[in-house]
Amino acid sequence: MSKKRRSLVRAAFSAITLVMTMLLLSGCGNYMVLNPKGPIAAQQLDLIIITVILCAIIIVPVLVITFVIVWRYRATNKKADYKPEWAHSNLLETIWWGIPIVIVIVLAIVTVRYTHELEPSKAIASEKDEVTIQVVSLNWKWLFIYPEEGIATVNTITIPEDRPVRFELTADSPMNSFWIPELGGQIYAMSGMSMALHLQADEPGTYFGTAANFTGEHFENMTFDVNATSDAEYDQWIEKAKQSPETLTDESYEELSKPSEKEEPMLYSSVPDGIYERIVTKYMHDGAELHQHGSASADETNGSTSAEATNANSEEASSSHNGH
C-alpha cells in the first residue's frame, strides 16, 4: 500500500472513530447539567455555553490549521512551497497573539460577572417566602432538617416549586459535596462549618441529587430525590411528615450517624431543638470561631454576642469604678 493511501486510511479511521465516540457518548444518559430546571442552573448553563463558544473560537481554527499544515506540508507533497529562510510575519503574530488575548479578557469579564451573580449564599429574588432546609452529610446518607416545620428526612426532600430554597450545609463525616445538577452547581459540606446555598425549581418534578465528592467505600449510595410540588401538595406533605411515627432524638441521631451502606428514605415527625447547631460545632475545640458562610443568622448571632460582651464589659468597668 502506498504512503498516500495509508494516509487516507488513517484519516478515515480517525474520523470514523471520532463520530462513533460521539454517538456512544450521546447515548450514555441524560445530561442533567444541560437541562436546567431552575434559575441558578439556567444561568450556569449560559456561562458554560459562552465559555465553550469563546474557547471554540481559538481551538477550532487551531485544529483546522494544524490538519491543513500537516496535510499540505507532508513529505509526499512536492507542490508545497519550500521557504527555508522564512522566519517572521507581523500580520500572523498579531493574529495568533491578539485574538487569544482579546478572548481571554472577554472570558475573564464574563466569568467575574457570573461569579458574583451566582454567589451561592446570595438569596434568590422572589416575592414568595423562602424555605429553609438544613443539610447534614453522613456516611453514607443525607439528613435533611426543616427547622421551621420541626421535621426531618433521610435521603429525600420535598420543596415547593417556584419558591426559593435556602440550604444550610454541614457534615458529620468527611468533607462532601452536595449537588442537584438540574437546579444548580455543587457546594461543599464540611464539619465545623455551615455553608449556604440558594436554589429554586421552576417546575414540578423529581430531580436527582447526589454526593459529588469521594467519601469512602459506599459514597455512591449517597443519592437522594428532590420532589418539587405545588404549594398545596407541599403543605400536605408537611402534614404527612408530622404524623410519622418516627421521631429524631439525640439518641436516634447517634445511631443514624453511624456508617451504613444504604438508607431508605425516611420521615421524622420531630427533631431536637438546636440539633443542627450542635452538629456543626461537634468537632470544634473550646473557643474556636464558627464559620458560617453566607449565613444571616451568623451575623445576627455575632452582633448579639458582641452587644452582650460590650454590655458585660461596661457593667464590669462601672462596678470596678464604683469600688474605687
C-alpha atoms as a PDB file:
ATOM      1  CA  MET A   1       0.000   0.000   0.000  1.00  0.00           C
ATOM      2  CA  SER A   2       1.349   3.412  -0.953  1.00  0.00           C
ATOM      3  CA  LYS A   3       2.071   6.142   1.593  1.00  0.00           C
ATOM      4  CA  LYS A   4      -0.703   8.300   0.159  1.00  0.00           C
ATOM      5  CA  ARG A   5      -3.264   5.513   0.516  1.00  0.00           C
ATOM      6  CA  ARG A   6      -2.120   4.731   4.063  1.00  0.00           C
ATOM      7  CA  SER A   7      -2.550   8.392   4.988  1.00  0.00           C
ATOM      8  CA  LEU A   8      -6.090   8.418   3.595  1.00  0.00           C
ATOM      9  CA  VAL A   9      -6.951   5.219   5.505  1.00  0.00           C
ATOM     10  CA  ARG A  10      -5.620   6.688   8.759  1.00  0.00           C
ATOM     11  CA  ALA A  11      -7.571   9.907   8.248  1.00  0.00           C
ATOM     12  CA  ALA A  12     -10.774   7.990   7.510  1.00  0.00           C
ATOM     13  CA  PHE A  13     -10.245   5.723  10.512  1.00  0.00           C
ATOM     14  CA  SER A  14      -9.708   8.737  12.805  1.00  0.00           C
ATOM     15  CA  ALA A  15     -12.867  10.423  11.519  1.00  0.00           C
ATOM     16  CA  ILE A  16     -14.953   7.251  11.983  1.00  0.00           C
ATOM     17  CA  THR A  17     -13.561   6.763  15.499  1.00  0.00           C
ATOM     18  CA  LEU A  18     -14.442  10.344  16.432  1.00  0.00           C
ATOM     19  CA  VAL A  19     -18.002  10.004  15.101  1.00  0.00           C
ATOM     20  CA  MET A  20     -18.547   6.655  16.846  1.00  0.00           C
ATOM     21  CA  THR A  21     -17.238   8.059  20.134  1.00  0.00           C
ATOM     22  CA  MET A  22     -19.643  10.995  19.929  1.00  0.00           C
ATOM     23  CA  LEU A  23     -22.570   8.666  19.149  1.00  0.00           C
ATOM     24  CA  LEU A  24     -21.712   6.364  22.058  1.00  0.00           C
ATOM     25  CA  LEU A  25     -21.375   9.258  24.472  1.00  0.00           C
ATOM     26  CA  SER A  26     -24.680  10.732  23.322  1.00  0.00           C
ATOM     27  CA  GLY A  27     -26.438   7.564  24.479  1.00  0.00           C
ATOM     28  CA  CYS A  28     -24.849   7.404  27.926  1.00  0.00           C
ATOM     29  CA  GLY A  29     -27.730   9.121  29.638  1.00  0.00           C
ATOM     30  CA  ASN A  30     -29.431  12.391  30.429  1.00  0.00           C
ATOM     31  CA  TYR A  31     -27.036  15.322  30.640  1.00  0.00           C
ATOM     32  CA  MET A  32     -28.795  16.978  33.558  1.00  0.00           C
ATOM     33  CA  VAL A  33     -26.423  19.938  33.661  1.00  0.00           C
ATOM     34  CA  LEU A  34     -27.586  20.811  30.140  1.00  0.00           C
ATOM     35  CA  ASN A  35     -31.252  20.519  31.131  1.00  0.00           C
ATOM     36  CA  PRO A  36     -31.751  23.245  33.769  1.00  0.00           C
ATOM     37  CA  LYS A  37     -34.971  23.354  35.781  1.00  0.00           C
ATOM     38  CA  GLY A  38     -34.223  26.425  37.883  1.00  0.00           C
ATOM     39  CA  PRO A  39     -32.866  29.982  37.541  1.00  0.00           C
ATOM     40  CA  ILE A  40     -29.435  29.185  39.002  1.00  0.00           C
ATOM     41  CA  ALA A  41     -28.846  26.177  36.741  1.00  0.00           C
ATOM     42  CA  ALA A  42     -30.074  28.178  33.733  1.00  0.00           C
ATOM     43  CA  GLN A  43     -27.517  30.943  34.352  1.00  0.00           C
ATOM     44  CA  GLN A  44     -24.782  28.373  34.888  1.00  0.00           C
ATOM     45  CA  LEU A  45     -25.676  26.783  31.544  1.00  0.00           C
ATOM     46  CA  ASP A  46     -25.430  30.228  29.914  1.00  0.00           C
ATOM     47  CA  LEU A  47     -21.925  30.565  31.335  1.00  0.00           C
ATOM     48  CA  ILE A  48     -20.982  27.100  30.041  1.00  0.00           C
ATOM     49  CA  ILE A  49     -22.245  27.920  26.548  1.00  0.00           C
ATOM     50  CA  ILE A  50     -20.499  31.314  26.442  1.00  0.00           C
ATOM     51  CA  THR A  51     -17.239  29.742  27.650  1.00  0.00           C
ATOM     52  CA  VAL A  52     -17.407  26.911  25.098  1.00  0.00           C
ATOM     53  CA  ILE A  53     -18.077  29.343  22.234  1.00  0.00           C
ATOM     54  CA  LEU A  54     -15.208  31.646  23.243  1.00  0.00           C
ATOM     55  CA  CYS A  55     -12.818  28.716  23.604  1.00  0.00           C
ATOM     56  CA  ALA A  56     -14.009  27.235  20.303  1.00  0.00           C
ATOM     57  CA  ILE A  57     -13.048  30.480  18.530  1.00  0.00           C
ATOM     58  CA  ILE A  58      -9.444  29.584  19.381  1.00  0.00           C
ATOM     59  CA  ILE A  59      -9.480  25.792  19.442  1.00  0.00           C
ATOM     60  CA  VAL A  60     -11.395  25.063  16.207  1.00  0.00           C
ATOM     61  CA  PRO A  61      -9.210  27.223  13.917  1.00  0.00           C
ATOM     62  CA  VAL A  62      -6.063  25.807  15.562  1.00  0.00           C
ATOM     63  CA  LEU A  63      -7.213  22.226  14.941  1.00  0.00           C
ATOM     64  CA  VAL A  64      -8.202  23.013  11.354  1.00  0.00           C
ATOM     65  CA  ILE A  65      -4.934  24.837  10.636  1.00  0.00           C
ATOM     66  CA  THR A  66      -2.938  22.015  12.231  1.00  0.00           C
ATOM     67  CA  PHE A  67      -4.607  19.465   9.948  1.00  0.00           C
ATOM     68  CA  VAL A  68      -4.096  21.702   6.894  1.00  0.00           C
ATOM     69  CA  ILE A  69      -0.400  22.226   7.669  1.00  0.00           C
ATOM     70  CA  VAL A  70       0.239  18.543   8.304  1.00  0.00           C
ATOM     71  CA  TRP A  71      -1.560  17.613   5.094  1.00  0.00           C
ATOM     72  CA  ARG A  72      -0.154  20.348   2.881  1.00  0.00           C
ATOM     73  CA  TYR A  73       3.445  20.029   4.000  1.00  0.00           C
ATOM     74  CA  ARG A  74       3.624  16.246   4.172  1.00  0.00           C
ATOM     75  CA  ALA A  75       6.751  14.693   2.736  1.00  0.00           C
ATOM     76  CA  THR A  76       4.974  13.294  -0.316  1.00  0.00           C
ATOM     77  CA  ASN A  77       3.535  16.672  -1.416  1.00  0.00           C
ATOM     78  CA  LYS A  78       6.077  18.063  -3.838  1.00  0.00           C
ATOM     79  CA  LYS A  79       3.894  21.078  -4.708  1.00  0.00           C
ATOM     80  CA  ALA A  80       4.208  22.715  -1.266  1.00  0.00           C
ATOM     81  CA  ASP A  81       6.272  25.891  -1.177  1.00  0.00           C
ATOM     82  CA  TYR A  82       9.725  25.496   0.329  1.00  0.00           C
ATOM     83  CA  LYS A  83      10.873  28.632   2.180  1.00  0.00           C
ATOM     84  CA  PRO A  84      13.814  27.780   4.432  1.00  0.00           C
ATOM     85  CA  GLU A  85      14.626  31.444   5.103  1.00  0.00           C
ATOM     86  CA  TRP A  86      11.089  32.410   6.273  1.00  0.00           C
ATOM     87  CA  ALA A  87      11.046  33.289   9.987  1.00  0.00           C
ATOM     88  CA  HIS A  88       8.603  36.059  10.863  1.00  0.00           C
ATOM     89  CA  SER A  89       5.318  37.728   9.913  1.00  0.00           C
ATOM     90  CA  ASN A  90       3.930  40.752  11.746  1.00  0.00           C
ATOM     91  CA  LEU A  91       0.425  40.004  10.485  1.00  0.00           C
ATOM     92  CA  LEU A  92       0.435  36.390  11.683  1.00  0.00           C
ATOM     93  CA  GLU A  93       1.999  37.339  15.036  1.00  0.00           C
ATOM     94  CA  THR A  94      -0.752  39.927  15.563  1.00  0.00           C
ATOM     95  CA  ILE A  95      -3.456  37.388  14.717  1.00  0.00           C
ATOM     96  CA  TRP A  96      -2.303  34.476  16.868  1.00  0.00           C
ATOM     97  CA  TRP A  97      -1.448  36.664  19.841  1.00  0.00           C
ATOM     98  CA  GLY A  98      -4.123  39.354  19.536  1.00  0.00           C
ATOM     99  CA  ILE A  99      -7.212  37.157  19.164  1.00  0.00           C
ATOM    100  CA  PRO A 100      -6.448  34.906  22.198  1.00  0.00           C
ATOM    101  CA  ILE A 101      -5.667  37.941  24.362  1.00  0.00           C
ATOM    102  CA  VAL A 102      -8.985  39.581  23.456  1.00  0.00           C
ATOM    103  CA  ILE A 103     -10.878  36.335  24.098  1.00  0.00           C
ATOM    104  CA  VAL A 104      -9.184  35.811  27.476  1.00  0.00           C
ATOM    105  CA  ILE A 105     -10.127  39.368  28.503  1.00  0.00           C
ATOM    106  CA  VAL A 106     -13.751  38.845  27.438  1.00  0.00           C
ATOM    107  CA  LEU A 107     -13.849  35.460  29.169  1.00  0.00           C
ATOM    108  CA  ALA A 108     -12.449  36.989  32.374  1.00  0.00           C
ATOM    109  CA  ILE A 109     -15.089  39.760  32.360  1.00  0.00           C
ATOM    110  CA  VAL A 110     -17.928  37.278  31.751  1.00  0.00           C
ATOM    111  CA  THR A 111     -16.647  34.871  34.421  1.00  0.00           C
ATOM    112  CA  VAL A 112     -16.285  37.584  37.068  1.00  0.00           C
ATOM    113  CA  ARG A 113     -19.801  38.858  36.321  1.00  0.00           C
ATOM    114  CA  TYR A 114     -21.405  35.442  36.579  1.00  0.00           C
ATOM    115  CA  THR A 115     -19.314  34.536  39.643  1.00  0.00           C
ATOM    116  CA  HIS A 116     -20.753  37.485  41.561  1.00  0.00           C
ATOM    117  CA  GLU A 117     -24.294  36.888  40.302  1.00  0.00           C
ATOM    118  CA  LEU A 118     -24.166  33.174  41.168  1.00  0.00           C
ATOM    119  CA  GLU A 119     -22.621  33.512  44.617  1.00  0.00           C
ATOM    120  CA  PRO A 120     -24.191  30.502  46.453  1.00  0.00           C
ATOM    121  CA  SER A 121     -25.033  32.463  49.587  1.00  0.00           C
ATOM    122  CA  LYS A 122     -26.860  35.161  47.615  1.00  0.00           C
ATOM    123  CA  ALA A 123     -30.632  34.907  48.101  1.00  0.00           C
ATOM    124  CA  ILE A 124     -32.838  34.479  45.048  1.00  0.00           C
ATOM    125  CA  ALA A 125     -35.087  37.482  44.435  1.00  0.00           C
ATOM    126  CA  SER A 126     -38.704  36.391  44.847  1.00  0.00           C
ATOM    127  CA  GLU A 127     -41.994  37.651  46.192  1.00  0.00           C
ATOM    128  CA  LYS A 128     -42.607  34.262  47.796  1.00  0.00           C
ATOM    129  CA  ASP A 129     -41.328  33.179  51.208  1.00  0.00           C
ATOM    130  CA  GLU A 130     -38.092  31.261  51.311  1.00  0.00           C
ATOM    131  CA  VAL A 131     -37.944  27.644  52.533  1.00  0.00           C
ATOM    132  CA  THR A 132     -35.005  26.710  54.783  1.00  0.00           C
ATOM    133  CA  ILE A 133     -33.551  23.195  54.779  1.00  0.00           C
ATOM    134  CA  GLN A 134     -30.564  22.214  56.902  1.00  0.00           C
ATOM    135  CA  VAL A 135     -28.413  19.517  55.308  1.00  0.00           C
ATOM    136  CA  VAL A 136     -26.089  17.124  57.142  1.00  0.00           C
ATOM    137  CA  SER A 137     -23.730  14.852  55.229  1.00  0.00           C
ATOM    138  CA  LEU A 138     -23.286  11.469  56.923  1.00  0.00           C
ATOM    139  CA  ASN A 139     -21.608   8.186  55.990  1.00  0.00           C
ATOM    140  CA  TRP A 140     -23.289   7.318  53.599  1.00  0.00           C
ATOM    141  CA  LYS A 141     -26.580   9.185  53.614  1.00  0.00           C
ATOM    142  CA  TRP A 142     -28.076  12.669  53.772  1.00  0.00           C
ATOM    143  CA  LEU A 143     -30.076  14.062  56.683  1.00  0.00           C
ATOM    144  CA  PHE A 144     -32.394  16.975  55.894  1.00  0.00           C
ATOM    145  CA  ILE A 145     -33.861  19.098  58.686  1.00  0.00           C
ATOM    146  CA  TYR A 146     -36.755  21.525  58.186  1.00  0.00           C
ATOM    147  CA  PRO A 147     -36.240  23.855  61.188  1.00  0.00           C
ATOM    148  CA  GLU A 148     -39.353  25.941  60.555  1.00  0.00           C
ATOM    149  CA  GLU A 149     -41.605  22.880  60.379  1.00  0.00           C
ATOM    150  CA  GLY A 150     -39.784  20.821  63.030  1.00  0.00           C
ATOM    151  CA  ILE A 151     -39.438  17.734  60.819  1.00  0.00           C
ATOM    152  CA  ALA A 152     -36.583  15.851  59.163  1.00  0.00           C
ATOM    153  CA  THR A 153     -35.997  13.373  56.359  1.00  0.00           C
ATOM    154  CA  VAL A 154     -33.307  10.974  55.177  1.00  0.00           C
ATOM    155  CA  ASN A 155     -32.317  10.722  51.501  1.00  0.00           C
ATOM    156  CA  THR A 156     -35.356  12.612  50.232  1.00  0.00           C
ATOM    157  CA  ILE A 157     -36.597  16.184  50.255  1.00  0.00           C
ATOM    158  CA  THR A 158     -39.741  17.890  49.086  1.00  0.00           C
ATOM    159  CA  ILE A 159     -39.782  21.530  48.078  1.00  0.00           C
ATOM    160  CA  PRO A 160     -42.452  23.842  46.629  1.00  0.00           C
ATOM    161  CA  GLU A 161     -41.997  24.803  43.003  1.00  0.00           C
ATOM    162  CA  ASP A 162     -41.237  28.405  42.080  1.00  0.00           C
ATOM    163  CA  ARG A 163     -40.121  29.238  45.623  1.00  0.00           C
ATOM    164  CA  PRO A 164     -36.525  29.888  46.655  1.00  0.00           C
ATOM    165  CA  VAL A 165     -34.931  27.315  48.937  1.00  0.00           C
ATOM    166  CA  ARG A 166     -32.093  28.122  51.299  1.00  0.00           C
ATOM    167  CA  PHE A 167     -29.879  25.122  52.059  1.00  0.00           C
ATOM    168  CA  GLU A 168     -27.613  25.314  55.101  1.00  0.00           C
ATOM    169  CA  LEU A 169     -24.980  22.597  54.872  1.00  0.00           C
ATOM    170  CA  THR A 170     -22.553  20.899  57.207  1.00  0.00           C
ATOM    171  CA  ALA A 171     -21.010  17.440  57.631  1.00  0.00           C
ATOM    172  CA  ASP A 172     -20.764  14.906  60.443  1.00  0.00           C
ATOM    173  CA  SER A 173     -18.436  12.851  58.259  1.00  0.00           C
ATOM    174  CA  PRO A 174     -15.567  13.503  55.833  1.00  0.00           C
ATOM    175  CA  MET A 175     -15.964  16.571  53.629  1.00  0.00           C
ATOM    176  CA  ASN A 176     -18.568  16.024  50.941  1.00  0.00           C
ATOM    177  CA  SER A 177     -20.219  17.913  48.091  1.00  0.00           C
ATOM    178  CA  PHE A 178     -23.966  18.499  47.741  1.00  0.00           C
ATOM    179  CA  TRP A 179     -25.241  18.584  44.168  1.00  0.00           C
ATOM    180  CA  ILE A 180     -28.612  18.785  42.401  1.00  0.00           C
ATOM    181  CA  PRO A 181     -27.479  19.080  38.755  1.00  0.00           C
ATOM    182  CA  GLU A 182     -30.779  20.296  37.288  1.00  0.00           C
ATOM    183  CA  LEU A 183     -31.141  23.051  39.893  1.00  0.00           C
ATOM    184  CA  GLY A 184     -27.599  24.338  40.334  1.00  0.00           C
ATOM    185  CA  GLY A 185     -23.934  23.698  40.952  1.00  0.00           C
ATOM    186  CA  GLN A 186     -22.402  21.793  43.806  1.00  0.00           C
ATOM    187  CA  ILE A 187     -21.209  23.157  47.135  1.00  0.00           C
ATOM    188  CA  TYR A 188     -19.062  21.540  49.808  1.00  0.00           C
ATOM    189  CA  ALA A 189     -20.350  20.365  53.179  1.00  0.00           C
ATOM    190  CA  MET A 190     -17.667  20.389  55.877  1.00  0.00           C
ATOM    191  CA  SER A 191     -17.597  19.685  59.594  1.00  0.00           C
ATOM    192  CA  GLY A 192     -17.262  22.761  61.788  1.00  0.00           C
ATOM    193  CA  MET A 193     -18.718  24.952  59.039  1.00  0.00           C
ATOM    194  CA  SER A 194     -22.166  25.977  57.859  1.00  0.00           C
ATOM    195  CA  MET A 195     -22.364  26.782  54.155  1.00  0.00           C
ATOM    196  CA  ALA A 196     -25.326  28.427  52.414  1.00  0.00           C
ATOM    197  CA  LEU A 197     -26.726  27.534  49.006  1.00  0.00           C
ATOM    198  CA  HIS A 198     -29.814  29.036  47.353  1.00  0.00           C
ATOM    199  CA  LEU A 199     -31.680  27.093  44.668  1.00  0.00           C
ATOM    200  CA  GLN A 200     -35.136  27.056  43.107  1.00  0.00           C
ATOM    201  CA  ALA A 201     -37.171  24.635  40.986  1.00  0.00           C
ATOM    202  CA  ASP A 202     -39.183  26.389  38.291  1.00  0.00           C
ATOM    203  CA  GLU A 203     -41.475  23.445  37.597  1.00  0.00           C
ATOM    204  CA  PRO A 204     -42.788  20.371  39.414  1.00  0.00           C
ATOM    205  CA  GLY A 205     -40.910  17.118  39.055  1.00  0.00           C
ATOM    206  CA  THR A 206     -38.496  14.720  40.692  1.00  0.00           C
ATOM    207  CA  TYR A 207     -34.853  15.719  40.416  1.00  0.00           C
ATOM    208  CA  PHE A 208     -31.680  13.770  41.074  1.00  0.00           C
ATOM    209  CA  GLY A 209     -29.454  14.727  43.978  1.00  0.00           C
ATOM    210  CA  THR A 210     -26.105  13.216  44.831  1.00  0.00           C
ATOM    211  CA  ALA A 211     -22.814  13.465  46.667  1.00  0.00           C
ATOM    212  CA  ALA A 212     -20.197  14.736  44.224  1.00  0.00           C
ATOM    213  CA  ASN A 213     -17.160  14.049  46.395  1.00  0.00           C
ATOM    214  CA  PHE A 214     -15.475  10.746  47.236  1.00  0.00           C
ATOM    215  CA  THR A 215     -16.006   9.987  50.928  1.00  0.00           C
ATOM    216  CA  GLY A 216     -15.270   6.309  51.250  1.00  0.00           C
ATOM    217  CA  GLU A 217     -16.366   2.852  50.238  1.00  0.00           C
ATOM    218  CA  HIS A 218     -20.101   3.407  49.748  1.00  0.00           C
ATOM    219  CA  PHE A 219     -20.219   7.071  48.721  1.00  0.00           C
ATOM    220  CA  GLU A 220     -22.051   6.090  45.508  1.00  0.00           C
ATOM    221  CA  ASN A 221     -25.109   5.306  47.656  1.00  0.00           C
ATOM    222  CA  MET A 222     -25.390   8.936  48.724  1.00  0.00           C
ATOM    223  CA  THR A 223     -28.162   9.863  46.326  1.00  0.00           C
ATOM    224  CA  PHE A 224     -31.484  11.483  47.132  1.00  0.00           C
ATOM    225  CA  ASP A 225     -34.703  12.546  45.442  1.00  0.00           C
ATOM    226  CA  VAL A 226     -35.790  16.162  45.222  1.00  0.00           C
ATOM    227  CA  ASN A 227     -39.562  16.342  44.787  1.00  0.00           C
ATOM    228  CA  ALA A 228     -40.780  19.744  43.583  1.00  0.00           C
ATOM    229  CA  THR A 229     -44.538  20.112  44.121  1.00  0.00           C
ATOM    230  CA  SER A 230     -47.229  22.755  44.187  1.00  0.00           C
ATOM    231  CA  ASP A 231     -47.695  24.800  47.371  1.00  0.00           C
ATOM    232  CA  ALA A 232     -50.823  22.822  48.257  1.00  0.00           C
ATOM    233  CA  GLU A 233     -49.055  19.479  47.798  1.00  0.00           C
ATOM    234  CA  TYR A 234     -46.090  20.746  49.780  1.00  0.00           C
ATOM    235  CA  ASP A 235     -48.337  21.666  52.711  1.00  0.00           C
ATOM    236  CA  GLN A 236     -49.957  18.226  52.528  1.00  0.00           C
ATOM    237  CA  TRP A 237     -46.542  16.593  52.594  1.00  0.00           C
ATOM    238  CA  ILE A 238     -45.558  18.618  55.670  1.00  0.00           C
ATOM    239  CA  GLU A 239     -48.680  17.419  57.482  1.00  0.00           C
ATOM    240  CA  LYS A 240     -47.952  13.835  56.449  1.00  0.00           C
ATOM    241  CA  ALA A 241     -44.403  14.104  57.785  1.00  0.00           C
ATOM    242  CA  LYS A 242     -45.660  15.479  61.109  1.00  0.00           C
ATOM    243  CA  GLN A 243     -47.824  12.384  61.508  1.00  0.00           C
ATOM    244  CA  SER A 244     -44.908   9.975  61.006  1.00  0.00           C
ATOM    245  CA  PRO A 245     -44.384   7.569  63.938  1.00  0.00           C
ATOM    246  CA  GLU A 246     -40.625   8.083  63.678  1.00  0.00           C
ATOM    247  CA  THR A 247     -39.011  10.859  65.716  1.00  0.00           C
ATOM    248  CA  LEU A 248     -35.436  12.070  65.588  1.00  0.00           C
ATOM    249  CA  THR A 249     -33.857  12.286  69.022  1.00  0.00           C
ATOM    250  CA  ASP A 250     -30.263  12.819  70.088  1.00  0.00           C
ATOM    251  CA  GLU A 251     -30.004   9.076  70.683  1.00  0.00           C
ATOM    252  CA  SER A 252     -31.526   8.067  67.340  1.00  0.00           C
ATOM    253  CA  TYR A 253     -29.311  10.596  65.577  1.00  0.00           C
ATOM    254  CA  GLU A 254     -26.213   8.969  67.070  1.00  0.00           C
ATOM    255  CA  GLU A 255     -27.413   5.652  65.656  1.00  0.00           C
ATOM    256  CA  LEU A 256     -28.226   7.236  62.282  1.00  0.00           C
ATOM    257  CA  SER A 257     -24.810   8.881  62.058  1.00  0.00           C
ATOM    258  CA  LYS A 258     -23.044   5.510  62.116  1.00  0.00           C
ATOM    259  CA  PRO A 259     -21.749   4.417  58.673  1.00  0.00           C
ATOM    260  CA  SER A 260     -24.227   2.341  56.691  1.00  0.00           C
ATOM    261  CA  GLU A 261     -24.322   1.153  53.086  1.00  0.00           C
ATOM    262  CA  LYS A 262     -27.808   2.244  52.073  1.00  0.00           C
ATOM    263  CA  GLU A 263     -30.555   4.054  53.937  1.00  0.00           C
ATOM    264  CA  GLU A 264     -34.098   4.041  52.620  1.00  0.00           C
ATOM    265  CA  PRO A 265     -35.942   7.395  52.588  1.00  0.00           C
ATOM    266  CA  MET A 266     -37.414   8.191  55.993  1.00  0.00           C
ATOM    267  CA  LEU A 267     -39.607  10.858  57.610  1.00  0.00           C
ATOM    268  CA  TYR A 268     -39.229  12.141  61.176  1.00  0.00           C
ATOM    269  CA  SER A 269     -42.154  13.951  62.755  1.00  0.00           C
ATOM    270  CA  SER A 270     -39.964  15.898  65.182  1.00  0.00           C
ATOM    271  CA  VAL A 271     -36.340  16.903  65.768  1.00  0.00           C
ATOM    272  CA  PRO A 272     -34.486  18.114  68.881  1.00  0.00           C
ATOM    273  CA  ASP A 273     -34.095  21.875  69.195  1.00  0.00           C
ATOM    274  CA  GLY A 274     -30.703  23.116  68.069  1.00  0.00           C
ATOM    275  CA  ILE A 275     -29.508  19.753  66.732  1.00  0.00           C
ATOM    276  CA  TYR A 276     -28.064  21.293  63.561  1.00  0.00           C
ATOM    277  CA  GLU A 277     -26.011  23.818  65.534  1.00  0.00           C
ATOM    278  CA  ARG A 278     -24.722  21.021  67.792  1.00  0.00           C
ATOM    279  CA  ILE A 279     -23.664  19.002  64.751  1.00  0.00           C
ATOM    280  CA  VAL A 280     -21.824  21.991  63.271  1.00  0.00           C
ATOM    281  CA  THR A 281     -19.852  22.591  66.485  1.00  0.00           C
ATOM    282  CA  LYS A 282     -19.411  18.917  67.374  1.00  0.00           C
ATOM    283  CA  TYR A 283     -15.726  18.709  66.439  1.00  0.00           C
ATOM    284  CA  MET A 284     -14.722  22.243  67.377  1.00  0.00           C
ATOM    285  CA  HIS A 285     -12.480  22.849  70.362  1.00  0.00           C
ATOM    286  CA  ASP A 286     -13.453  25.367  73.013  1.00  0.00           C
ATOM    287  CA  GLY A 287     -13.012  28.943  71.898  1.00  0.00           C
ATOM    288  CA  ALA A 288     -12.978  28.150  68.182  1.00  0.00           C
ATOM    289  CA  GLU A 289     -14.946  30.510  65.974  1.00  0.00           C
ATOM    290  CA  LEU A 290     -17.827  29.042  63.991  1.00  0.00           C
ATOM    291  CA  HIS A 291     -17.593  29.772  60.287  1.00  0.00           C
ATOM    292  CA  GLN A 292     -20.988  30.331  58.677  1.00  0.00           C
ATOM    293  CA  HIS A 293     -20.543  31.253  55.033  1.00  0.00           C
ATOM    294  CA  GLY A 294     -23.351  33.453  53.782  1.00  0.00           C
ATOM    295  CA  SER A 295     -25.470  32.986  56.906  1.00  0.00           C
ATOM    296  CA  ALA A 296     -27.629  35.882  58.019  1.00  0.00           C
ATOM    297  CA  SER A 297     -28.145  34.151  61.331  1.00  0.00           C
ATOM    298  CA  ALA A 298     -24.372  34.181  61.810  1.00  0.00           C
ATOM    299  CA  ASP A 299     -24.277  37.949  61.531  1.00  0.00           C
ATOM    300  CA  GLU A 300     -27.169  38.317  63.910  1.00  0.00           C
ATOM    301  CA  THR A 301     -25.570  35.891  66.366  1.00  0.00           C
ATOM    302  CA  ASN A 302     -22.204  37.634  66.170  1.00  0.00           C
ATOM    303  CA  GLY A 303     -23.885  41.004  66.595  1.00  0.00           C
ATOM    304  CA  SER A 304     -25.847  39.782  69.579  1.00  0.00           C
ATOM    305  CA  THR A 305     -22.744  38.250  71.146  1.00  0.00           C
ATOM    306  CA  SER A 306     -20.764  41.419  70.593  1.00  0.00           C
ATOM    307  CA  ALA A 307     -23.521  43.526  72.135  1.00  0.00           C
ATOM    308  CA  GLU A 308     -23.739  41.248  75.177  1.00  0.00           C
ATOM    309  CA  ALA A 309     -19.970  41.307  75.564  1.00  0.00           C
ATOM    310  CA  THR A 310     -19.937  45.104  75.332  1.00  0.00           C
ATOM    311  CA  ASN A 311     -22.673  45.420  77.957  1.00  0.00           C
ATOM    312  CA  ALA A 312     -20.884  42.979  80.238  1.00  0.00           C
ATOM    313  CA  ASN A 313     -17.614  44.885  79.908  1.00  0.00           C
ATOM    314  CA  SER A 314     -19.400  48.175  80.579  1.00  0.00           C
ATOM    315  CA  GLU A 315     -21.037  46.801  83.728  1.00  0.00           C
ATOM    316  CA  GLU A 316     -17.714  45.351  84.922  1.00  0.00           C
ATOM    317  CA  ALA A 317     -15.928  48.634  84.308  1.00  0.00           C
ATOM    318  CA  SER A 318     -18.716  50.532  86.109  1.00  0.00           C
ATOM    319  CA  SER A 319     -18.543  48.187  89.106  1.00  0.00           C
ATOM    320  CA  SER A 320     -14.779  48.500  89.247  1.00  0.00           C
ATOM    321  CA  HIS A 321     -15.031  52.308  89.070  1.00  0.00           C
ATOM    322  CA  ASN A 322     -17.642  52.394  91.840  1.00  0.00           C
ATOM    323  CA  GLY A 323     -15.452  50.149  94.014  1.00  0.00           C
ATOM    324  CA  HIS A 324     -12.569  52.595  93.723  1.00  0.00           C
END
